[in-house]
């Protein structure tokens, strides 16, 4: 199982130098994949959670591709309805080619109503627009003489039945965000049921979980995956591996914009988890 990191590409402490430091730190710690988020218009509903400045993901990842060597690069998640499918197909293919085949395209339907309004996109059609985009992107990539996309995995976010069905029909992996392990276990059962109904293979499993280390264990009923003592977090990773996760994305942003001005705390936790996880693999 690979480990990834969701790097904050937003907030008052974020600038090109800090993004560079994040990339070099995460790659240096031995993580397999670096991912960033997506917003286009930082409307009030977005700013409450992800304040400006916000660095556009394709631009950011293209730059980071040039200053990293082997770590893969991805979106968690690109908001599908915000861009024309052929633009997403083109940017993804170019980024994958320029990075030497390191790109992962994570997609979601979006949630910020005010941002949809600012972009002139119908919020009520976001699910249908996402389905259309994935199909159109895959169709464009079939033109290898033009796009030369290579093998780009598409991860599909979403927790509803519609989201699970979208992952089965259109995705290479299901990519849930910040949930409890027992919740994900139940949804994986539902994912298999849907796959059986559709007569399709069960997609891969690549969850994104919180990373928040605490000095003492937290009550299991009060925490999400990735939150608690080091032993609890390593236990969560082990359970997710047993559930079939090919990649787990650690998200060290706990919600305070000031965190982006002191990334050393997140780097310390990421180093602690990486060392413990790799040590555990070596002992087996």
Protein backbone atom coordinates (compact mmCIF):
# COMPACT_ATOMS: atom_id res chain seq x y z
CA UNK A 1 0.00 0.00 0.00
CA UNK A 2 1.31 3.42 -0.95
CA UNK A 3 1.12 6.52 1.24
CA UNK A 4 0.31 9.97 -0.09
CA UNK A 5 0.04 13.49 1.32
CA UNK A 6 -2.53 16.20 0.62
CA UNK A 7 -0.42 19.36 0.53
CA UNK A 8 -2.20 22.66 1.35
CA UNK A 9 -2.16 24.78 -1.81
CA UNK A 10 -4.11 27.56 -0.10
CA UNK A 11 -4.08 29.78 2.96
CA UNK A 12 -2.15 32.80 4.24
CA UNK A 13 1.12 30.90 4.69
CA UNK A 14 1.16 29.42 1.21
CA UNK A 15 3.46 30.80 -1.48
CA UNK A 16 5.78 29.31 -4.11
CA UNK A 17 8.62 28.85 -1.64
CA UNK A 18 6.44 27.03 0.86
CA UNK A 19 4.95 24.79 -1.82
CA UNK A 20 8.48 23.92 -2.92
CA UNK A 21 9.44 23.10 0.67
CA UNK A 22 6.35 20.93 1.06
CA UNK A 23 7.15 18.98 -2.11
CA UNK A 24 10.78 18.39 -1.19
CA UNK A 25 9.88 17.43 2.37
CA UNK A 26 7.16 14.96 1.35
CA UNK A 27 9.34 13.38 -1.34
CA UNK A 28 12.30 13.27 1.02
CA UNK A 29 10.25 11.41 3.64
CA UNK A 30 9.56 8.66 1.14
CA UNK A 31 5.90 9.33 0.39
CA UNK A 32 4.68 7.98 -2.93
CA UNK A 33 2.20 10.65 -4.02
CA UNK A 34 1.66 14.39 -3.46
CA UNK A 35 -1.84 15.75 -4.02
CA UNK A 36 -3.44 19.21 -3.97
CA UNK A 37 -7.01 20.50 -3.85
CA UNK A 38 -9.09 22.62 -6.21
CA UNK A 39 -11.13 25.79 -6.01
CA UNK A 40 -11.41 28.49 -8.65
CA UNK A 41 -13.45 31.31 -7.10
CA UNK A 42 -12.82 31.80 -3.38
CA UNK A 43 -16.37 32.73 -2.50
CA UNK A 44 -17.38 33.11 1.18
CA UNK A 45 -18.46 29.47 1.51
CA UNK A 46 -15.08 28.31 0.19
CA UNK A 47 -13.07 30.82 2.22
CA UNK A 48 -14.54 29.52 5.48
CA UNK A 49 -12.63 26.28 4.96
CA UNK A 50 -9.97 27.04 2.34
CA UNK A 51 -8.95 30.70 2.47
CA UNK A 52 -7.05 32.64 -0.17
CA UNK A 53 -4.61 32.65 -1.74
CA UNK A 54 -5.51 29.46 -3.61
CA UNK A 55 -3.03 28.04 -6.10
CA UNK A 56 -4.66 26.41 -9.14
CA UNK A 57 -3.86 22.68 -9.13
CA UNK A 58 -2.68 22.10 -12.71
CA UNK A 59 -0.38 25.12 -12.59
CA UNK A 60 0.95 24.15 -9.18
CA UNK A 61 1.53 20.49 -10.01
CA UNK A 62 3.23 21.34 -13.30
CA UNK A 63 5.69 23.49 -11.41
CA UNK A 64 6.21 20.90 -8.69
CA UNK A 65 6.81 18.24 -11.34
CA UNK A 66 9.89 20.19 -12.41
CA UNK A 67 11.40 20.35 -8.93
CA UNK A 68 10.70 16.75 -7.85
CA UNK A 69 12.14 13.52 -9.17
CA UNK A 70 9.94 10.50 -8.57
CA UNK A 71 6.95 11.32 -6.37
CA UNK A 72 3.61 11.05 -8.17
CA UNK A 73 1.36 14.10 -8.38
CA UNK A 74 -2.43 14.35 -8.23
CA UNK A 75 -5.64 16.20 -7.45
CA UNK A 76 -7.81 15.49 -4.42
CA UNK A 77 -10.11 16.46 -5.88
CA UNK A 78 -10.49 18.45 -9.08
CA UNK A 79 -14.06 19.81 -9.17
CA UNK A 80 -15.23 18.33 -12.44
CA UNK A 81 -18.06 20.74 -13.41
CA UNK A 82 -15.82 23.82 -13.26
CA UNK A 83 -13.91 23.14 -16.50
CA UNK A 84 -14.67 22.00 -20.03
CA UNK A 85 -13.89 18.29 -20.48
CA UNK A 86 -11.47 18.90 -23.34
CA UNK A 87 -9.55 21.41 -21.22
CA UNK A 88 -9.26 18.84 -18.41
CA UNK A 89 -8.24 16.19 -20.92
CA UNK A 90 -5.57 18.46 -22.40
CA UNK A 91 -4.13 19.71 -19.10
CA UNK A 92 -4.10 16.24 -17.57
CA UNK A 93 -2.42 14.67 -20.58
CA UNK A 94 0.18 17.42 -20.77
CA UNK A 95 0.92 17.25 -17.04
CA UNK A 96 1.25 13.47 -17.17
CA UNK A 97 3.62 13.70 -20.12
CA UNK A 98 5.70 16.55 -18.68
CA UNK A 99 6.05 14.76 -15.34
CA UNK A 100 7.11 11.45 -16.86
CA UNK A 101 3.81 9.65 -16.24
CA UNK A 102 3.35 10.68 -12.61
CA UNK A 103 -0.16 12.18 -12.65
CA UNK A 104 -3.30 10.93 -10.87
CA UNK A 105 -6.61 12.68 -11.68
CA UNK A 106 -8.90 12.71 -8.66
CA UNK A 107 -12.37 14.12 -9.42
CA UNK A 108 -15.39 15.22 -7.41
CA UNK A 109 -18.73 16.89 -8.08
CA UNK A 110 -18.18 19.88 -5.76
CA UNK A 111 -20.18 21.34 -2.87
CA UNK A 112 -19.77 25.17 -2.74
CA UNK A 113 -23.01 26.68 -4.09
CA UNK A 114 -21.69 30.23 -4.17
CA UNK A 115 -18.66 29.16 -6.19
CA UNK A 116 -20.91 27.40 -8.70
CA UNK A 117 -22.93 30.61 -9.01
CA UNK A 118 -19.78 32.70 -9.50
CA UNK A 119 -18.68 30.40 -12.32
CA UNK A 120 -22.11 30.25 -13.94
CA UNK A 121 -22.42 26.48 -13.47
CA UNK A 122 -25.72 24.84 -12.56
CA UNK A 123 -25.24 23.34 -9.08
CA UNK A 124 -28.19 20.98 -9.52
CA UNK A 125 -26.53 19.35 -12.56
CA UNK A 126 -23.11 18.81 -11.01
CA UNK A 127 -23.45 15.02 -10.87
CA UNK A 128 -24.50 14.75 -14.51
CA UNK A 129 -21.77 17.19 -15.57
CA UNK A 130 -19.19 15.09 -13.76
CA UNK A 131 -20.34 11.91 -15.50
CA UNK A 132 -20.19 13.66 -18.87
CA UNK A 133 -16.73 15.04 -18.16
CA UNK A 134 -15.24 11.66 -17.27
CA UNK A 135 -16.66 10.04 -20.39
CA UNK A 136 -15.51 12.91 -22.60
CA UNK A 137 -12.04 12.98 -21.09
CA UNK A 138 -11.59 9.25 -21.64
CA UNK A 139 -12.85 9.61 -25.22
CA UNK A 140 -10.37 12.42 -25.90
CA UNK A 141 -7.49 10.37 -24.53
CA UNK A 142 -8.21 7.67 -27.09
CA UNK A 143 -6.65 10.04 -29.65
CA UNK A 144 -3.09 9.13 -28.77
CA UNK A 145 -1.66 10.99 -31.74
CA UNK A 146 -2.88 14.24 -30.18
CA UNK A 147 -3.25 13.93 -26.42
CA UNK A 148 -0.60 11.29 -25.73
CA UNK A 149 -2.07 10.98 -22.24
CA UNK A 150 -0.44 7.73 -21.23
CA UNK A 151 -2.00 5.81 -18.35
CA UNK A 152 -3.69 8.34 -16.06
CA UNK A 153 -5.70 6.80 -13.18
CA UNK A 154 -9.02 8.50 -12.45
CA UNK A 155 -10.13 8.47 -8.81
CA UNK A 156 -13.77 9.32 -8.12
CA UNK A 157 -14.83 10.95 -4.85
CA UNK A 158 -18.29 10.86 -3.34
CA UNK A 159 -20.11 9.08 -0.52
CA UNK A 160 -23.67 8.82 -1.83
CA UNK A 161 -25.01 5.86 -3.79
CA UNK A 162 -24.72 8.02 -6.90
CA UNK A 163 -21.07 8.69 -6.10
CA UNK A 164 -20.37 5.01 -5.54
CA UNK A 165 -22.11 4.11 -8.79
CA UNK A 166 -20.05 6.77 -10.58
CA UNK A 167 -16.86 5.22 -9.20
CA UNK A 168 -17.94 1.77 -10.39
CA UNK A 169 -18.99 2.92 -13.85
CA UNK A 170 -16.30 5.49 -14.58
CA UNK A 171 -13.42 5.34 -12.11
CA UNK A 172 -10.25 3.39 -11.54
CA UNK A 173 -10.62 3.89 -7.79
CA UNK A 174 -13.12 5.15 -5.23
CA UNK A 175 -11.67 8.07 -3.27
CA UNK A 176 -13.65 8.86 -0.07
CA UNK A 177 -12.58 11.80 2.07
CA UNK A 178 -12.07 11.96 5.87
CA UNK A 179 -14.31 9.22 7.23
CA UNK A 180 -14.22 6.57 9.95
CA UNK A 181 -12.80 3.15 9.14
CA UNK A 182 -16.04 1.38 10.03
CA UNK A 183 -17.97 3.76 7.75
CA UNK A 184 -15.60 2.98 4.87
CA UNK A 185 -15.93 -0.74 5.53
CA UNK A 186 -19.71 -0.50 5.15
CA UNK A 187 -19.46 1.62 2.01
CA UNK A 188 -17.03 -0.86 0.47
CA UNK A 189 -19.67 -3.55 0.93
CA UNK A 190 -22.15 -1.28 -0.85
CA UNK A 191 -19.59 -0.57 -3.59
CA UNK A 192 -19.33 -4.30 -4.27
CA UNK A 193 -23.13 -4.63 -4.36
CA UNK A 194 -23.33 -1.85 -6.95
CA UNK A 195 -20.54 -3.40 -9.00
CA UNK A 196 -22.40 -6.71 -9.01
CA UNK A 197 -25.62 -4.94 -10.06
CA UNK A 198 -23.78 -3.21 -12.90
CA UNK A 199 -21.90 -6.34 -13.96
CA UNK A 200 -18.63 -4.46 -13.56
CA UNK A 201 -15.42 -4.93 -11.59
CA UNK A 202 -15.11 -3.33 -8.17
CA UNK A 203 -12.87 -0.26 -8.56
CA UNK A 204 -9.78 0.27 -6.48
CA UNK A 205 -9.87 1.92 -3.06
CA UNK A 206 -7.83 5.06 -2.32
CA UNK A 207 -9.16 6.94 0.73
CA UNK A 208 -8.03 10.32 2.00
CA UNK A 209 -7.90 10.50 5.78
CA UNK A 210 -7.10 13.15 8.35
CA UNK A 211 -3.67 13.16 9.97
CA UNK A 212 -3.75 14.52 13.51
CA UNK A 213 -1.45 12.92 16.06
CA UNK A 214 -2.39 13.33 19.73
CA UNK A 215 -0.22 12.60 22.78
CA UNK A 216 -2.79 10.15 24.19
CA UNK A 217 -5.26 7.83 22.45
CA UNK A 218 -8.70 9.22 21.59
CA UNK A 219 -11.96 7.31 22.20
CA UNK A 220 -12.56 5.30 19.05
CA UNK A 221 -16.19 6.40 18.85
CA UNK A 222 -15.12 10.07 18.76
CA UNK A 223 -12.45 10.01 16.05
CA UNK A 224 -12.14 9.62 12.30
CA UNK A 225 -9.43 7.57 10.61
CA UNK A 226 -5.97 9.12 10.97
CA UNK A 227 -6.76 10.92 14.21
CA UNK A 228 -5.35 9.91 17.59
CA UNK A 229 -2.16 8.41 18.96
CA UNK A 230 0.53 7.10 16.65
CA UNK A 231 -0.56 3.56 17.48
CA UNK A 232 -4.16 4.38 16.53
CA UNK A 233 -3.12 5.98 13.23
CA UNK A 234 -0.86 3.06 12.29
CA UNK A 235 -3.74 0.75 13.24
CA UNK A 236 -6.03 2.68 10.88
CA UNK A 237 -3.51 2.37 8.06
CA UNK A 238 -3.22 -1.35 8.69
CA UNK A 239 -7.00 -1.78 8.65
CA UNK A 240 -7.29 0.19 5.42
CA UNK A 241 -4.60 -1.96 3.83
CA UNK A 242 -6.54 -5.06 4.85
CA UNK A 243 -9.67 -3.52 3.31
CA UNK A 244 -7.83 -3.36 0.00
CA UNK A 245 -6.58 0.24 -0.13
CA UNK A 246 -3.88 0.64 -2.77
CA UNK A 247 -3.11 4.20 -1.62
CA UNK A 248 -4.01 6.17 1.50
CA UNK A 249 -3.75 9.96 1.35
CA UNK A 250 -2.86 11.67 4.64
CA UNK A 251 -4.36 15.14 5.05
CA UNK A 252 -2.56 17.11 7.78
CA UNK A 253 -4.72 20.26 7.47
CA UNK A 254 -7.06 20.32 10.48
CA UNK A 255 -8.96 23.47 9.53
CA UNK A 256 -7.10 26.44 11.04
CA UNK A 257 -5.72 28.73 8.28
CA UNK A 258 -2.81 29.65 10.57
CA UNK A 259 -1.56 26.09 10.13
CA UNK A 260 -0.37 27.03 6.66
CA UNK A 261 2.07 29.49 8.27
CA UNK A 262 3.72 26.82 10.44
CA UNK A 263 3.99 23.64 8.35
CA UNK A 264 6.75 22.27 10.57
CA UNK A 265 4.13 20.69 12.84
CA UNK A 266 2.60 18.78 9.93
CA UNK A 267 6.05 17.78 8.65
CA UNK A 268 6.92 16.37 12.07
CA UNK A 269 3.76 14.26 12.16
CA UNK A 270 4.30 13.08 8.60
CA UNK A 271 7.88 12.09 9.45
CA UNK A 272 6.71 10.20 12.53
CA UNK A 273 4.06 8.25 10.62
CA UNK A 274 6.35 7.50 7.67
CA UNK A 275 9.11 6.19 9.94
CA UNK A 276 6.75 4.00 11.93
CA UNK A 277 4.97 2.63 8.84
CA UNK A 278 8.20 1.83 7.00
CA UNK A 279 9.72 0.29 10.12
CA UNK A 280 6.68 -1.94 10.50
CA UNK A 281 6.98 -3.12 6.87
CA UNK A 282 10.66 -3.95 7.37
CA UNK A 283 9.89 -6.07 10.43
CA UNK A 284 7.42 -8.29 8.50
